């Protein structure tokens, strides 16, 4: 019996791969739908407890294939396979159930190309295993090198099995839509079971405070401020600590407050109608600050508390940083007429 060499086996494998790719191309040319659509989406609803059972009922009634499912108090997530018609119906149902879309990403994937890529990866893994098998022939028994090479081979064989399973399942995806969707609960008020999601994002803020009615002996026309800003929940909840310095204080005015030490706590909220802060760019939000100001001049001191409504725009954010701008209107409790005014701020925070 003639023994086929390993080199011949690799050539044969390459020929079979080429033949399979060509056959996939033939099917595509004959009008066979050789692609599928991969969809990733996030949506939220204030009627989560009503919509979630309707969602499950829709899946059962349409006999949709469930590849994966997870559910907790806040979110239910599905990995589904459906037809393009069923996907269009599902989008219509989400609108009917008044679910707001945060993000959706649709990608068309061509199965012949996907198969070709997977087979190429399998061939690379088999080549690596073959090379290690040669090294194992000369490795000492029970040595670390031998155990390490055997471990790498077993890992690669497991990857090959996963790839082969993916190849077997890929033909069943032709003409379908593979959907990963998360339906989230809209929380408009705190509740006793709600979990606060903490973050650790220190940063800094530059502010300009402009009193609306500056007055000699009390307030200057403009103050520059430098703050440390610390975000500690995804809400967003934060604290700021820093100081304002008056830009122009007449040397003869010993009563005017030239320095303002500031401490505040604040929260920002995203609009449910503008994406709930899910975008990387230009997320509009509103919020508030409550704080304390210690105002000092050459011969004067004032302790003041204030509240300030705010509106802002997150210019950019990702998993590692946040850059935003906002406008506050400071309303102090003492000497309100001459100490109230607009505060313009820009801040930069990093995940630590």
Protein backbone atom coordinates (compact mmCIF):
# COMPACT_ATOMS: atom_id res chain seq x y z
CA UNK A 1 0.00 0.00 0.00
CA UNK A 2 1.35 3.41 -0.94
CA UNK A 3 1.76 5.86 1.92
CA UNK A 4 0.78 9.50 1.22
CA UNK A 5 3.35 11.92 2.62
CA UNK A 6 2.44 14.88 4.85
CA UNK A 7 3.50 17.26 2.06
CA UNK A 8 1.08 15.55 -0.32
CA UNK A 9 -1.67 15.78 2.27
CA UNK A 10 -1.19 19.54 2.52
CA UNK A 11 -1.33 19.92 -1.26
CA UNK A 12 -4.51 17.81 -1.35
CA UNK A 13 -6.08 19.95 1.38
CA UNK A 14 -5.26 23.11 -0.58
CA UNK A 15 -6.87 21.68 -3.74
CA UNK A 16 -10.02 20.72 -1.82
CA UNK A 17 -10.26 24.21 -0.32
CA UNK A 18 -9.90 25.78 -3.78
CA UNK A 19 -12.57 23.43 -5.15
CA UNK A 20 -14.96 24.29 -2.31
CA UNK A 21 -14.50 28.02 -2.86
CA UNK A 22 -15.17 27.61 -6.58
CA UNK A 23 -18.31 25.58 -5.91
CA UNK A 24 -19.55 28.27 -3.51
CA UNK A 25 -19.00 30.79 -6.30
CA UNK A 26 -21.00 28.63 -8.70
CA UNK A 27 -23.93 28.50 -6.28
CA UNK A 28 -23.77 32.28 -5.90
CA UNK A 29 -23.81 32.77 -9.67
CA UNK A 30 -26.87 30.51 -9.99
CA UNK A 31 -28.87 32.83 -7.77
CA UNK A 32 -28.47 30.99 -4.48
CA UNK A 33 -28.48 33.48 -1.59
CA UNK A 34 -24.96 32.91 -0.28
CA UNK A 35 -24.96 35.63 2.34
CA UNK A 36 -26.49 36.37 5.71
CA UNK A 37 -26.97 39.54 7.72
CA UNK A 38 -25.44 39.93 11.19
CA UNK A 39 -27.32 42.44 13.36
CA UNK A 40 -26.39 43.82 16.77
CA UNK A 41 -28.93 46.08 18.44
CA UNK A 42 -29.89 47.69 21.74
CA UNK A 43 -33.32 49.02 22.64
CA UNK A 44 -35.07 50.18 25.80
CA UNK A 45 -38.65 50.55 26.96
CA UNK A 46 -40.39 52.06 30.02
CA UNK A 47 -42.88 49.12 29.79
CA UNK A 48 -40.23 46.42 30.18
CA UNK A 49 -42.43 44.10 32.28
CA UNK A 50 -45.15 44.11 29.59
CA UNK A 51 -42.92 44.08 26.51
CA UNK A 52 -40.58 41.29 27.66
CA UNK A 53 -43.34 38.59 27.74
CA UNK A 54 -44.62 39.84 24.34
CA UNK A 55 -41.10 39.47 22.98
CA UNK A 56 -40.85 35.87 24.22
CA UNK A 57 -44.33 35.09 22.88
CA UNK A 58 -43.35 36.45 19.46
CA UNK A 59 -40.26 34.22 19.42
CA UNK A 60 -42.35 31.13 20.28
CA UNK A 61 -45.12 31.88 17.78
CA UNK A 62 -42.62 32.32 14.94
CA UNK A 63 -40.46 29.35 16.02
CA UNK A 64 -37.33 31.46 15.91
CA UNK A 65 -34.06 29.66 16.57
CA UNK A 66 -32.57 30.79 19.91
CA UNK A 67 -28.80 30.37 20.05
CA UNK A 68 -28.36 32.14 23.39
CA UNK A 69 -30.49 33.91 26.00
CA UNK A 70 -29.82 35.82 29.21
CA UNK A 71 -32.17 37.79 31.46
CA UNK A 72 -32.03 39.82 34.65
CA UNK A 73 -34.06 42.63 36.20
CA UNK A 74 -32.69 45.26 33.82
CA UNK A 75 -32.03 43.48 30.51
CA UNK A 76 -33.10 40.54 28.39
CA UNK A 77 -30.72 39.53 25.60
CA UNK A 78 -31.24 37.08 22.73
CA UNK A 79 -29.13 35.62 19.94
CA UNK A 80 -31.68 34.68 17.27
CA UNK A 81 -31.68 33.35 13.72
CA UNK A 82 -34.59 34.36 11.49
CA UNK A 83 -35.57 35.12 7.93
CA UNK A 84 -35.31 38.61 6.45
CA UNK A 85 -39.11 38.84 6.47
CA UNK A 86 -39.25 37.92 10.16
CA UNK A 87 -36.57 40.49 10.92
CA UNK A 88 -38.62 43.22 9.22
CA UNK A 89 -41.66 42.08 11.25
CA UNK A 90 -39.61 42.16 14.47
CA UNK A 91 -38.53 45.77 13.82
CA UNK A 92 -42.17 46.70 13.22
CA UNK A 93 -43.15 44.97 16.49
CA UNK A 94 -40.52 46.90 18.44
CA UNK A 95 -41.99 50.14 17.08
CA UNK A 96 -45.48 48.93 17.96
CA UNK A 97 -44.34 48.17 21.51
CA UNK A 98 -42.81 51.69 21.70
CA UNK A 99 -39.26 50.50 22.15
CA UNK A 100 -36.65 53.19 21.54
CA UNK A 101 -33.55 52.11 19.60
CA UNK A 102 -30.22 53.08 21.16
CA UNK A 103 -27.99 51.53 18.52
CA UNK A 104 -28.23 49.07 15.64
CA UNK A 105 -25.51 47.71 13.38
CA UNK A 106 -26.24 45.59 10.30
CA UNK A 107 -23.44 43.82 8.40
CA UNK A 108 -23.83 41.60 5.35
CA UNK A 109 -21.49 38.60 5.48
CA UNK A 110 -20.78 36.47 2.41
CA UNK A 111 -20.66 32.79 3.31
CA UNK A 112 -18.16 31.70 0.60
CA UNK A 113 -15.68 34.28 1.85
CA UNK A 114 -16.37 33.38 5.50
CA UNK A 115 -15.82 29.69 4.71
CA UNK A 116 -12.61 30.46 2.84
CA UNK A 117 -11.29 32.45 5.80
CA UNK A 118 -12.18 29.67 8.26
CA UNK A 119 -10.59 26.96 6.11
CA UNK A 120 -7.44 29.05 5.81
CA UNK A 121 -7.31 29.32 9.61
CA UNK A 122 -7.80 25.55 9.93
CA UNK A 123 -4.94 24.96 7.51
CA UNK A 124 -2.66 27.27 9.54
CA UNK A 125 -3.53 25.43 12.75
CA UNK A 126 -2.93 22.02 11.16
CA UNK A 127 0.44 23.20 9.86
CA UNK A 128 1.39 24.40 13.36
CA UNK A 129 0.35 21.06 14.87
CA UNK A 130 2.41 19.23 12.23
CA UNK A 131 5.51 21.32 13.04
CA UNK A 132 5.10 20.69 16.77
CA UNK A 133 4.67 16.95 16.19
CA UNK A 134 8.14 16.95 14.63
CA UNK A 135 9.55 18.71 17.70
CA UNK A 136 7.82 16.22 19.99
CA UNK A 137 9.73 13.37 18.37
CA UNK A 138 12.99 14.76 19.78
CA UNK A 139 11.64 16.14 23.07
CA UNK A 140 12.55 14.36 26.29
CA UNK A 141 9.81 12.41 28.07
CA UNK A 142 8.09 14.28 30.94
CA UNK A 143 10.02 17.46 30.11
CA UNK A 144 8.44 20.91 30.33
CA UNK A 145 9.00 21.43 26.61
CA UNK A 146 7.09 18.30 25.69
CA UNK A 147 4.19 19.14 28.00
CA UNK A 148 4.08 22.68 26.63
CA UNK A 149 4.01 21.52 22.99
CA UNK A 150 1.30 18.93 23.76
CA UNK A 151 -0.77 21.64 25.46
CA UNK A 152 -0.46 23.94 22.44
CA UNK A 153 -1.48 21.10 20.12
CA UNK A 154 -4.55 20.31 22.20
CA UNK A 155 -5.56 23.99 22.21
CA UNK A 156 -5.22 24.19 18.43
CA UNK A 157 -7.18 20.96 17.93
CA UNK A 158 -9.98 22.41 20.05
CA UNK A 159 -9.96 25.52 17.83
CA UNK A 160 -10.15 23.30 14.74
CA UNK A 161 -13.16 21.48 16.18
CA UNK A 162 -14.88 24.82 16.83
CA UNK A 163 -14.09 26.02 13.30
CA UNK A 164 -15.41 22.77 11.79
CA UNK A 165 -18.62 23.12 13.79
CA UNK A 166 -18.96 26.70 12.53
CA UNK A 167 -18.47 25.48 8.96
CA UNK A 168 -21.20 22.85 9.37
CA UNK A 169 -23.63 25.45 10.73
CA UNK A 170 -22.80 28.11 8.16
CA UNK A 171 -24.85 26.62 5.31
CA UNK A 172 -27.93 26.88 7.51
CA UNK A 173 -27.42 30.64 7.78
CA UNK A 174 -27.79 31.26 4.04
CA UNK A 175 -30.40 33.92 3.41
CA UNK A 176 -31.04 34.45 7.14
CA UNK A 177 -30.55 37.24 9.66
CA UNK A 178 -28.46 36.54 12.76
CA UNK A 179 -29.66 38.94 15.47
CA UNK A 180 -28.02 39.79 18.80
CA UNK A 181 -30.53 42.05 20.53
CA UNK A 182 -30.73 43.47 24.05
CA UNK A 183 -33.97 44.90 25.41
CA UNK A 184 -33.35 47.11 28.43
CA UNK A 185 -35.56 48.46 31.18
CA UNK A 186 -35.98 52.24 31.21
CA UNK A 187 -35.41 53.45 34.78
CA UNK A 188 -36.90 56.90 35.30
CA UNK A 189 -37.06 56.77 39.10
CA UNK A 190 -34.93 55.03 41.76
CA UNK A 191 -36.26 51.81 43.23
CA UNK A 192 -35.23 49.63 46.13
CA UNK A 193 -33.84 46.87 43.92
CA UNK A 194 -31.91 49.17 41.58
CA UNK A 195 -28.16 48.57 41.46
CA UNK A 196 -25.93 51.61 41.17
CA UNK A 197 -23.19 51.14 38.60
CA UNK A 198 -20.05 52.74 40.00
CA UNK A 199 -17.18 54.00 37.90
CA UNK A 200 -13.81 55.50 38.77
CA UNK A 201 -13.19 58.48 36.47
CA UNK A 202 -11.06 61.31 37.85
CA UNK A 203 -10.41 64.38 35.72
CA UNK A 204 -10.31 68.15 35.63
CA UNK A 205 -12.55 71.02 34.57
CA UNK A 206 -11.96 74.56 33.37
CA UNK A 207 -14.78 77.03 34.09
CA UNK A 208 -15.65 80.65 33.46
CA UNK A 209 -18.15 82.23 35.87
CA UNK A 210 -19.81 85.49 34.78
CA UNK A 211 -22.10 87.15 37.36
CA UNK A 212 -25.22 88.58 35.76
CA UNK A 213 -25.17 91.81 37.79
CA UNK A 214 -21.60 92.41 39.02
CA UNK A 215 -21.33 95.11 41.63
CA UNK A 216 -18.41 96.96 43.19
CA UNK A 217 -17.69 95.67 46.68
CA UNK A 218 -19.28 92.29 45.91
CA UNK A 219 -18.57 90.57 42.58
CA UNK A 220 -16.23 90.99 39.63
CA UNK A 221 -17.25 90.86 35.98
CA UNK A 222 -15.61 87.50 35.35
CA UNK A 223 -13.93 84.63 37.22
CA UNK A 224 -11.71 81.85 35.86
CA UNK A 225 -12.00 78.50 37.62
CA UNK A 226 -9.95 75.31 37.78
CA UNK A 227 -11.59 72.23 39.29
CA UNK A 228 -10.90 68.62 40.02
CA UNK A 229 -13.89 66.62 38.81
CA UNK A 230 -14.54 63.04 39.88
CA UNK A 231 -17.24 60.89 38.22
CA UNK A 232 -18.30 57.95 40.38
CA UNK A 233 -21.49 56.52 38.79
CA UNK A 234 -22.65 55.94 35.24
CA UNK A 235 -25.64 58.20 36.08
CA UNK A 236 -23.62 60.49 35.82
CA UNK A 237 -22.96 61.50 39.45
CA UNK A 238 -19.89 63.58 40.26
CA UNK A 239 -18.20 65.96 42.68
CA UNK A 240 -16.04 68.98 41.87
CA UNK A 241 -13.51 70.80 44.06
CA UNK A 242 -11.60 73.90 43.00
CA UNK A 243 -11.43 77.67 43.00
CA UNK A 244 -12.40 80.70 40.93
CA UNK A 245 -10.11 83.70 40.56
CA UNK A 246 -11.43 87.13 39.59
CA UNK A 247 -10.06 88.43 36.29
CA UNK A 248 -10.26 92.15 37.13
CA UNK A 249 -10.39 93.46 40.70
CA UNK A 250 -9.68 97.18 41.26
CA UNK A 251 -6.84 97.62 43.73
CA UNK A 252 -8.94 100.15 45.63
CA UNK A 253 -11.86 97.73 46.13
CA UNK A 254 -10.98 95.77 49.26
CA UNK A 255 -14.49 94.34 49.70
CA UNK A 256 -14.89 92.65 46.31
CA UNK A 257 -14.64 88.88 46.38
CA UNK A 258 -11.51 88.07 44.41
CA UNK A 259 -11.30 84.34 45.23
CA UNK A 260 -14.08 81.79 45.43
CA UNK A 261 -13.44 78.29 46.77
CA UNK A 262 -16.04 75.92 45.29
CA UNK A 263 -17.28 72.46 46.25
CA UNK A 264 -20.27 70.85 44.51
CA UNK A 265 -22.17 67.63 43.91
CA UNK A 266 -24.04 67.09 40.66
CA UNK A 267 -25.90 64.65 38.45
CA UNK A 268 -26.50 64.59 34.69
CA UNK A 269 -29.34 62.82 32.90
CA UNK A 270 -29.74 61.73 29.27
CA UNK A 271 -32.95 62.19 27.31
CA UNK A 272 -34.85 59.02 26.41
CA UNK A 273 -35.68 60.62 23.05
CA UNK A 274 -32.07 61.42 22.12
CA UNK A 275 -30.40 58.03 22.48
CA UNK A 276 -29.88 57.83 26.26
CA UNK A 277 -26.21 58.74 25.87
CA UNK A 278 -25.46 55.72 23.70
CA UNK A 279 -23.51 57.59 21.01
CA UNK A 280 -19.79 58.32 21.01
CA UNK A 281 -20.34 61.89 19.84
CA UNK A 282 -22.69 64.74 20.75
CA UNK A 283 -24.85 63.31 23.53
CA UNK A 284 -27.13 66.02 24.90
CA UNK A 285 -27.91 65.94 28.62
CA UNK A 286 -29.37 68.05 31.42
CA UNK A 287 -28.56 68.08 35.11
CA UNK A 288 -28.06 70.03 38.29
CA UNK A 289 -25.39 71.00 40.81
CA UNK A 290 -25.71 71.81 44.50
CA UNK A 291 -22.70 73.34 46.14
CA UNK A 292 -20.90 75.58 48.59
CA UNK A 293 -18.82 78.67 47.85
CA UNK A 294 -16.40 80.35 50.26
CA UNK A 295 -15.87 83.86 48.87
CA UNK A 296 -12.98 86.01 50.10
CA UNK A 297 -11.63 89.49 49.40
CA UNK A 298 -8.96 91.63 50.98
CA UNK A 299 -11.29 92.59 53.82
CA UNK A 300 -14.39 90.47 53.25
CA UNK A 301 -15.63 86.89 53.59
CA UNK A 302 -18.87 85.20 52.54
CA UNK A 303 -20.09 81.63 53.00
CA UNK A 304 -22.69 80.82 50.38
CA UNK A 305 -24.67 77.80 49.18
CA UNK A 306 -26.16 77.49 45.71
CA UNK A 307 -28.08 75.35 43.24
CA UNK A 308 -27.55 75.44 39.50
CA UNK A 309 -29.53 73.81 36.69
CA UNK A 310 -27.34 72.74 33.78
CA UNK A 311 -27.41 71.63 30.18
CA UNK A 312 -24.46 70.13 28.32
CA UNK A 313 -23.13 68.14 25.38
CA UNK A 314 -20.74 65.21 25.55
CA UNK A 315 -18.44 65.99 22.66
CA UNK A 316 -16.77 62.57 22.72
CA UNK A 317 -16.68 59.49 24.91
CA UNK A 318 -15.55 55.87 24.76
CA UNK A 319 -14.71 53.17 27.28
CA UNK A 320 -11.66 55.08 28.51
CA UNK A 321 -12.42 58.82 28.49
CA UNK A 322 -15.14 61.47 28.44
CA UNK A 323 -14.85 65.02 27.07
CA UNK A 324 -17.84 67.30 27.53
CA UNK A 325 -18.98 70.90 27.85
CA UNK A 326 -21.85 72.36 29.83
CA UNK A 327 -23.53 75.60 30.91
CA UNK A 328 -24.80 76.15 34.46
CA UNK A 329 -26.85 78.98 35.88
CA UNK A 330 -25.66 79.50 39.46
CA UNK A 331 -28.36 80.59 41.93
CA UNK A 332 -26.79 81.43 45.33
CA UNK A 333 -28.85 81.71 48.51
CA UNK A 334 -27.08 84.86 49.75
CA UNK A 335 -26.57 88.09 47.71
CA UNK A 336 -28.42 86.42 44.90
CA UNK A 337 -28.77 89.54 42.74
CA UNK A 338 -25.04 90.18 42.42
CA UNK A 339 -23.65 86.63 42.68
CA UNK A 340 -25.91 84.71 40.32
CA UNK A 341 -24.83 84.12 36.76
CA UNK A 342 -23.70 81.77 34.02
CA UNK A 343 -20.91 79.24 34.38
CA UNK A 344 -19.34 77.81 31.20
CA UNK A 345 -17.32 74.64 31.72
CA UNK A 346 -15.31 72.07 29.77
CA UNK A 347 -14.10 68.87 31.41
CA UNK A 348 -12.02 65.81 30.62
CA UNK A 349 -12.23 62.56 32.61
CA UNK A 350 -10.41 59.24 32.31
CA UNK A 351 -11.17 55.73 33.50
CA UNK A 352 -8.69 54.90 36.22
